[in-house]
PDB file of N, CA and C in Angstrom:
ATOM      1  N   MET A   1      58.261 -62.635  73.402  1.00  0.00           N
ATOM      2  CA  MET A   1      57.547 -63.831  73.789  1.00  0.00           C
ATOM      3  C   MET A   1      58.420 -64.617  74.762  1.00  0.00           C
ATOM      4  N   GLU A   2      57.888 -64.859  75.910  1.00  0.00           N
ATOM      5  CA  GLU A   2      58.617 -65.610  76.924  1.00  0.00           C
ATOM      6  C   GLU A   2      58.432 -67.100  76.677  1.00  0.00           C
ATOM      7  N   MET A   3      59.536 -67.836  76.691  1.00  0.00           N
ATOM      8  CA  MET A   3      59.471 -69.283  76.477  1.00  0.00           C
ATOM      9  C   MET A   3      59.446 -69.985  77.829  1.00  0.00           C
ATOM     10  N   THR A   4      58.756 -71.112  77.869  1.00  0.00           N
ATOM     11  CA  THR A   4      58.724 -71.921  79.080  1.00  0.00           C
ATOM     12  C   THR A   4      59.628 -73.121  78.877  1.00  0.00           C
ATOM     13  N   GLN A   5      59.785 -73.911  79.900  1.00  0.00           N
ATOM     14  CA  GLN A   5      60.556 -75.142  79.805  1.00  0.00           C
ATOM     15  C   GLN A   5      59.702 -76.279  79.230  1.00  0.00           C
ATOM     16  N   TYR A   6      58.445 -75.994  78.990  1.00  0.00           N
ATOM     17  CA  TYR A   6      57.506 -77.010  78.550  1.00  0.00           C
ATOM     18  C   TYR A   6      57.681 -77.315  77.072  1.00  0.00           C
ATOM     19  N   VAL A   7      57.714 -78.599  76.748  1.00  0.00           N
ATOM     20  CA  VAL A   7      57.788 -79.058  75.369  1.00  0.00           C
ATOM     21  C   VAL A   7      56.627 -80.008  75.149  1.00  0.00           C
ATOM     22  N   TYR A   8      55.911 -79.828  74.042  1.00  0.00           N
ATOM     23  CA  TYR A   8      54.769 -80.664  73.729  1.00  0.00           C
ATOM     24  C   TYR A   8      55.176 -81.665  72.656  1.00  0.00           C
ATOM     25  N   LEU A   9      54.921 -82.937  72.891  1.00  0.00           N
ATOM     26  CA  LEU A   9      55.233 -83.987  71.930  1.00  0.00           C
ATOM     27  C   LEU A   9      53.991 -84.259  71.096  1.00  0.00           C
ATOM     28  N   CYS A  10      54.091 -84.002  69.801  1.00  0.00           N
ATOM     29  CA  CYS A  10      52.941 -84.133  68.909  1.00  0.00           C
ATOM     30  C   CYS A  10      52.670 -85.587  68.555  1.00  0.00           C
ATOM     31  N   ALA A  11      51.395 -85.868  68.369  1.00  0.00           N
ATOM     32  CA  ALA A  11      50.959 -87.164  67.851  1.00  0.00           C
ATOM     33  C   ALA A  11      50.648 -86.985  66.365  1.00  0.00           C
ATOM     34  N   GLY A  12      50.688 -88.063  65.623  1.00  0.00           N
ATOM     35  CA  GLY A  12      50.368 -88.001  64.204  1.00  0.00           C
ATOM     36  C   GLY A  12      48.964 -87.477  63.983  1.00  0.00           C
ATOM     37  N   GLY A  13      48.806 -86.568  63.019  1.00  0.00           N
ATOM     38  CA  GLY A  13      47.502 -86.019  62.690  1.00  0.00           C
ATOM     39  C   GLY A  13      47.182 -84.718  63.393  1.00  0.00           C
ATOM     40  N   GLU A  14      47.964 -84.322  64.377  1.00  0.00           N
ATOM     41  CA  GLU A  14      47.710 -83.056  65.061  1.00  0.00           C
ATOM     42  C   GLU A  14      48.145 -81.892  64.185  1.00  0.00           C
ATOM     43  N   THR A  15      47.594 -80.729  64.479  1.00  0.00           N
ATOM     44  CA  THR A  15      47.938 -79.489  63.791  1.00  0.00           C
ATOM     45  C   THR A  15      48.258 -78.433  64.851  1.00  0.00           C
ATOM     46  N   PHE A  16      48.739 -77.291  64.413  1.00  0.00           N
ATOM     47  CA  PHE A  16      48.975 -76.203  65.373  1.00  0.00           C
ATOM     48  C   PHE A  16      47.673 -75.831  66.080  1.00  0.00           C
ATOM     49  N   ASP A  17      46.571 -75.812  65.336  1.00  0.00           N
ATOM     50  CA  ASP A  17      45.271 -75.481  65.932  1.00  0.00           C
ATOM     51  C   ASP A  17      44.879 -76.473  67.013  1.00  0.00           C
ATOM     52  N   SER A  18      45.014 -77.756  66.716  1.00  0.00           N
ATOM     53  CA  SER A  18      44.581 -78.762  67.691  1.00  0.00           C
ATOM     54  C   SER A  18      45.492 -78.792  68.917  1.00  0.00           C
ATOM     55  N   VAL A  19      46.770 -78.529  68.722  1.00  0.00           N
ATOM     56  CA  VAL A  19      47.699 -78.487  69.856  1.00  0.00           C
ATOM     57  C   VAL A  19      47.369 -77.284  70.746  1.00  0.00           C
ATOM     58  N   ALA A  20      47.102 -76.137  70.135  1.00  0.00           N
ATOM     59  CA  ALA A  20      46.730 -74.942  70.909  1.00  0.00           C
ATOM     60  C   ALA A  20      45.452 -75.202  71.702  1.00  0.00           C
ATOM     61  N   ARG A  21      44.489 -75.875  71.093  1.00  0.00           N
ATOM     62  CA  ARG A  21      43.243 -76.195  71.792  1.00  0.00           C
ATOM     63  C   ARG A  21      43.507 -77.133  72.962  1.00  0.00           C
ATOM     64  N   THR A  22      44.408 -78.094  72.779  1.00  0.00           N
ATOM     65  CA  THR A  22      44.750 -79.020  73.860  1.00  0.00           C
ATOM     66  C   THR A  22      45.435 -78.300  75.014  1.00  0.00           C
ATOM     67  N   ILE A  23      46.383 -77.427  74.695  1.00  0.00           N
ATOM     68  CA  ILE A  23      47.172 -76.762  75.733  1.00  0.00           C
ATOM     69  C   ILE A  23      46.402 -75.641  76.417  1.00  0.00           C
ATOM     70  N   TRP A  24      45.796 -74.756  75.610  1.00  0.00           N
ATOM     71  CA  TRP A  24      45.183 -73.543  76.158  1.00  0.00           C
ATOM     72  C   TRP A  24      43.658 -73.519  76.074  1.00  0.00           C
ATOM     73  N   GLY A  25      43.063 -74.528  75.448  1.00  0.00           N
ATOM     74  CA  GLY A  25      41.609 -74.569  75.361  1.00  0.00           C
ATOM     75  C   GLY A  25      41.023 -73.755  74.225  1.00  0.00           C
ATOM     76  N   ASP A  26      41.858 -73.208  73.341  1.00  0.00           N
ATOM     77  CA  ASP A  26      41.360 -72.401  72.234  1.00  0.00           C
ATOM     78  C   ASP A  26      42.391 -72.398  71.106  1.00  0.00           C
ATOM     79  N   GLU A  27      41.916 -72.644  69.898  1.00  0.00           N
ATOM     80  CA  GLU A  27      42.839 -72.700  68.761  1.00  0.00           C
ATOM     81  C   GLU A  27      43.342 -71.324  68.337  1.00  0.00           C
ATOM     82  N   LYS A  28      42.784 -70.248  68.900  1.00  0.00           N
ATOM     83  CA  LYS A  28      43.255 -68.910  68.523  1.00  0.00           C
ATOM     84  C   LYS A  28      44.707 -68.662  68.945  1.00  0.00           C
ATOM     85  N   TYR A  29      45.255 -69.512  69.794  1.00  0.00           N
ATOM     86  CA  TYR A  29      46.645 -69.369  70.230  1.00  0.00           C
ATOM     87  C   TYR A  29      47.631 -70.121  69.342  1.00  0.00           C
ATOM     88  N   ALA A  30      47.159 -70.651  68.227  1.00  0.00           N
ATOM     89  CA  ALA A  30      48.038 -71.398  67.313  1.00  0.00           C
ATOM     90  C   ALA A  30      49.172 -70.519  66.787  1.00  0.00           C
ATOM     91  N   SER A  31      48.900 -69.242  66.579  1.00  0.00           N
ATOM     92  CA  SER A  31      49.950 -68.354  66.048  1.00  0.00           C
ATOM     93  C   SER A  31      51.113 -68.219  67.021  1.00  0.00           C
ATOM     94  N   GLU A  32      50.838 -68.243  68.319  1.00  0.00           N
ATOM     95  CA  GLU A  32      51.922 -68.191  69.299  1.00  0.00           C
ATOM     96  C   GLU A  32      52.802 -69.441  69.194  1.00  0.00           C
ATOM     97  N   LEU A  33      52.168 -70.592  68.990  1.00  0.00           N
ATOM     98  CA  LEU A  33      52.936 -71.826  68.811  1.00  0.00           C
ATOM     99  C   LEU A  33      53.773 -71.764  67.541  1.00  0.00           C
ATOM    100  N   MET A  34      53.194 -71.231  66.484  1.00  0.00           N
ATOM    101  CA  MET A  34      53.914 -71.141  65.210  1.00  0.00           C
ATOM    102  C   MET A  34      55.121 -70.211  65.322  1.00  0.00           C
ATOM    103  N   CYS A  35      54.959 -69.096  66.015  1.00  0.00           N
ATOM    104  CA  CYS A  35      56.071 -68.161  66.194  1.00  0.00           C
ATOM    105  C   CYS A  35      57.199 -68.788  67.010  1.00  0.00           C
ATOM    106  N   ALA A  36      56.839 -69.633  67.965  1.00  0.00           N
ATOM    107  CA  ALA A  36      57.840 -70.277  68.823  1.00  0.00           C
ATOM    108  C   ALA A  36      58.505 -71.466  68.133  1.00  0.00           C
ATOM    109  N   ASN A  37      57.898 -71.956  67.046  1.00  0.00           N
ATOM    110  CA  ASN A  37      58.402 -73.150  66.360  1.00  0.00           C
ATOM    111  C   ASN A  37      58.420 -72.947  64.846  1.00  0.00           C
ATOM    112  N   PRO A  38      59.194 -71.965  64.368  1.00  0.00           N
ATOM    113  CA  PRO A  38      59.158 -71.642  62.934  1.00  0.00           C
ATOM    114  C   PRO A  38      59.609 -72.789  62.025  1.00  0.00           C
ATOM    115  N   GLU A  39      60.381 -73.705  62.547  1.00  0.00           N
ATOM    116  CA  GLU A  39      60.859 -74.814  61.715  1.00  0.00           C
ATOM    117  C   GLU A  39      59.733 -75.753  61.277  1.00  0.00           C
ATOM    118  N   TYR A  40      58.574 -75.671  61.922  1.00  0.00           N
ATOM    119  CA  TYR A  40      57.435 -76.526  61.573  1.00  0.00           C
ATOM    120  C   TYR A  40      56.309 -75.767  60.867  1.00  0.00           C
ATOM    121  N   CYS A  41      56.495 -74.496  60.594  1.00  0.00           N
ATOM    122  CA  CYS A  41      55.420 -73.674  60.039  1.00  0.00           C
ATOM    123  C   CYS A  41      54.939 -74.128  58.661  1.00  0.00           C
ATOM    124  N   THR A  42      55.748 -74.838  57.930  1.00  0.00           N
ATOM    125  CA  THR A  42      55.318 -75.303  56.604  1.00  0.00           C
ATOM    126  C   THR A  42      54.587 -76.642  56.680  1.00  0.00           C
ATOM    127  N   GLN A  43      54.525 -77.234  57.851  1.00  0.00           N
ATOM    128  CA  GLN A  43      53.843 -78.505  58.035  1.00  0.00           C
ATOM    129  C   GLN A  43      52.379 -78.265  58.379  1.00  0.00           C
ATOM    130  N   ASP A  44      51.487 -78.756  57.536  1.00  0.00           N
ATOM    131  CA  ASP A  44      50.055 -78.604  57.812  1.00  0.00           C
ATOM    132  C   ASP A  44      49.592 -79.565  58.899  1.00  0.00           C
ATOM    133  N   VAL A  45      50.094 -80.795  58.834  1.00  0.00           N
ATOM    134  CA  VAL A  45      49.713 -81.842  59.777  1.00  0.00           C
ATOM    135  C   VAL A  45      50.993 -82.498  60.279  1.00  0.00           C
ATOM    136  N   PHE A  46      51.067 -82.682  61.592  1.00  0.00           N
ATOM    137  CA  PHE A  46      52.260 -83.305  62.173  1.00  0.00           C
ATOM    138  C   PHE A  46      52.242 -84.812  61.945  1.00  0.00           C
ATOM    139  N   LEU A  47      53.425 -85.355  61.701  1.00  0.00           N
ATOM    140  CA  LEU A  47      53.559 -86.791  61.466  1.00  0.00           C
ATOM    141  C   LEU A  47      53.556 -87.577  62.777  1.00  0.00           C
ATOM    142  N   GLY A  48      53.970 -86.914  63.838  1.00  0.00           N
ATOM    143  CA  GLY A  48      54.090 -87.544  65.154  1.00  0.00           C
ATOM    144  C   GLY A  48      55.557 -87.527  65.568  1.00  0.00           C
ATOM    145  N   GLY A  49      55.792 -87.183  66.805  1.00  0.00           N
ATOM    146  CA  GLY A  49      57.160 -87.120  67.315  1.00  0.00           C
ATOM    147  C   GLY A  49      57.774 -85.734  67.290  1.00  0.00           C
ATOM    148  N   GLU A  50      57.118 -84.767  66.645  1.00  0.00           N
ATOM    149  CA  GLU A  50      57.643 -83.407  66.644  1.00  0.00           C
ATOM    150  C   GLU A  50      57.543 -82.840  68.057  1.00  0.00           C
ATOM    151  N   ARG A  51      58.573 -82.107  68.444  1.00  0.00           N
ATOM    152  CA  ARG A  51      58.601 -81.482  69.767  1.00  0.00           C
ATOM    153  C   ARG A  51      58.416 -79.983  69.582  1.00  0.00           C
ATOM    154  N   LEU A  52      57.320 -79.475  70.124  1.00  0.00           N
ATOM    155  CA  LEU A  52      57.034 -78.056  70.020  1.00  0.00           C
ATOM    156  C   LEU A  52      57.371 -77.357  71.324  1.00  0.00           C
ATOM    157  N   TYR A  53      58.099 -76.253  71.212  1.00  0.00           N
ATOM    158  CA  TYR A  53      58.341 -75.415  72.381  1.00  0.00           C
ATOM    159  C   TYR A  53      57.068 -74.628  72.659  1.00  0.00           C
ATOM    160  N   VAL A  54      56.674 -74.587  73.912  1.00  0.00           N
ATOM    161  CA  VAL A  54      55.432 -73.923  74.296  1.00  0.00           C
ATOM    162  C   VAL A  54      55.766 -72.573  74.929  1.00  0.00           C
ATOM    163  N   PRO A  55      55.318 -71.485  74.287  1.00  0.00           N
ATOM    164  CA  PRO A  55      55.580 -70.168  74.861  1.00  0.00           C
ATOM    165  C   PRO A  55      54.626 -69.873  76.012  1.00  0.00           C
ATOM    166  N   ALA A  56      55.018 -68.945  76.853  1.00  0.00           N
ATOM    167  CA  ALA A  56      54.134 -68.486  77.923  1.00  0.00           C
ATOM    168  C   ALA A  56      53.078 -67.591  77.285  1.00  0.00           C
ATOM    169  N   VAL A  57      51.821 -67.934  77.498  1.00  0.00           N
ATOM    170  CA  VAL A  57      50.713 -67.186  76.916  1.00  0.00           C
ATOM    171  C   VAL A  57      49.769 -66.796  78.044  1.00  0.00           C
ATOM    172  N   SER A  58      49.333 -65.559  78.036  1.00  0.00           N
ATOM    173  CA  SER A  58      48.384 -65.082  79.030  1.00  0.00           C
ATOM    174  C   SER A  58      46.971 -65.403  78.549  1.00  0.00           C
ATOM    175  N   VAL A  59      46.351 -66.388  79.190  1.00  0.00           N
ATOM    176  CA  VAL A  59      45.003 -66.809  78.832  1.00  0.00           C
ATOM    177  C   VAL A  59      44.043 -66.260  79.877  1.00  0.00           C
ATOM    178  N   PRO A  60      43.026 -65.512  79.446  1.00  0.00           N
ATOM    179  CA  PRO A  60      42.081 -64.956  80.426  1.00  0.00           C
ATOM    180  C   PRO A  60      41.308 -66.063  81.139  1.00  0.00           C
ATOM    181  N   ASP A  61      40.963 -65.806  82.394  1.00  0.00           N
ATOM    182  CA  ASP A  61      40.146 -66.744  83.150  1.00  0.00           C
ATOM    183  C   ASP A  61      38.769 -66.821  82.526  1.00  0.00           C
ATOM    184  N   GLU A  62      38.092 -67.948  82.739  1.00  0.00           N
ATOM    185  CA  GLU A  62      36.738 -68.097  82.211  1.00  0.00           C
ATOM    186  C   GLU A  62      35.813 -67.041  82.799  1.00  0.00           C
ATOM    187  N   ASP A  63      36.049 -66.641  84.049  1.00  0.00           N
ATOM    188  CA  ASP A  63      35.221 -65.622  84.691  1.00  0.00           C
ATOM    189  C   ASP A  63      35.330 -64.285  83.963  1.00  0.00           C
ATOM    190  N   ASP A  64      36.494 -64.014  83.365  1.00  0.00           N
ATOM    191  CA  ASP A  64      36.692 -62.764  82.640  1.00  0.00           C
ATOM    192  C   ASP A  64      35.825 -62.701  81.387  1.00  0.00           C
ATOM    193  N   ASN A  65      35.469 -63.862  80.845  1.00  0.00           N
ATOM    194  CA  ASN A  65      34.687 -63.917  79.618  1.00  0.00           C
ATOM    195  C   ASN A  65      33.202 -64.110  79.875  1.00  0.00           C
ATOM    196  N   ALA A  66      32.827 -64.206  81.138  1.00  0.00           N
ATOM    197  CA  ALA A  66      31.425 -64.464  81.460  1.00  0.00           C
ATOM    198  C   ALA A  66      30.556 -63.309  80.968  1.00  0.00           C
ATOM    199  N   GLU A  67      29.460 -63.675  80.337  1.00  0.00           N
ATOM    200  CA  GLU A  67      28.559 -62.642  79.850  1.00  0.00           C
ATOM    201  C   GLU A  67      27.756 -62.093  81.020  1.00  0.00           C
ATOM    202  N   THR A  68      27.572 -60.802  80.987  1.00  0.00           N
ATOM    203  CA  THR A  68      26.778 -60.178  82.037  1.00  0.00           C
ATOM    204  C   THR A  68      25.365 -59.979  81.530  1.00  0.00           C
ATOM    205  N   GLU A  69      24.440 -59.935  82.445  1.00  0.00           N
ATOM    206  CA  GLU A  69      23.035 -59.708  82.104  1.00  0.00           C
ATOM    207  C   GLU A  69      22.891 -58.302  81.543  1.00  0.00           C
ATOM    208  N   PRO A  70      22.347 -58.171  80.343  1.00  0.00           N
ATOM    209  CA  PRO A  70      22.184 -56.817  79.800  1.00  0.00           C
ATOM    210  C   PRO A  70      21.144 -56.049  80.596  1.00  0.00           C
ATOM    211  N   GLU A  71      21.305 -54.744  80.628  1.00  0.00           N
ATOM    212  CA  GLU A  71      20.339 -53.905  81.324  1.00  0.00           C
ATOM    213  C   GLU A  71      19.001 -53.989  80.605  1.00  0.00           C
ATOM    214  N   LYS A  72      17.936 -53.833  81.364  1.00  0.00           N
ATOM    215  CA  LYS A  72      16.614 -53.846  80.747  1.00  0.00           C
ATOM    216  C   LYS A  72      16.461 -52.628  79.859  1.00  0.00           C
ATOM    217  N   ALA A  73      15.860 -52.850  78.727  1.00  0.00           N
ATOM    218  CA  ALA A  73      15.578 -51.737  77.832  1.00  0.00           C
ATOM    219  C   ALA A  73      14.532 -50.847  78.473  1.00  0.00           C
ATOM    220  N   PRO A  74      14.659 -49.542  78.360  1.00  0.00           N
ATOM    221  CA  PRO A  74      13.738 -48.621  79.022  1.00  0.00           C
ATOM    222  C   PRO A  74      12.280 -48.868  78.658  1.00  0.00           C
ATOM    223  N   TRP A  75      11.998 -49.319  77.438  1.00  0.00           N
ATOM    224  CA  TRP A  75      10.619 -49.514  77.031  1.00  0.00           C
ATOM    225  C   TRP A  75      10.011 -50.797  77.595  1.00  0.00           C
ATOM    226  N   LYS A  76      10.818 -51.605  78.299  1.00  0.00           N
ATOM    227  CA  LYS A  76      10.312 -52.829  78.893  1.00  0.00           C
ATOM    228  C   LYS A  76      10.005 -52.667  80.374  1.00  0.00           C
ATOM    229  N   GLU A  77      10.101 -51.477  80.904  1.00  0.00           N
ATOM    230  CA  GLU A  77       9.841 -51.255  82.331  1.00  0.00           C
ATOM    231  C   GLU A  77       8.395 -51.043  82.631  1.00  0.00           C
TER     232      GLU A  77
END
């Protein structure tokens, strides 16, 4: 896991999920934050003031997730 120089300052009430959603737009990246910050893994909710190291994460572009039009079913022709 490549680390960046970026550090995120938590506000009270935030969680790994909410921080991941703020940074990357999806809470599924919370595990990457947890791996980069093991000293906070036992904390369910941040008190505020915690500094989380932000790892480099490859997030797909929105265009990569765009749904394509399904082909017409043969019986609908």
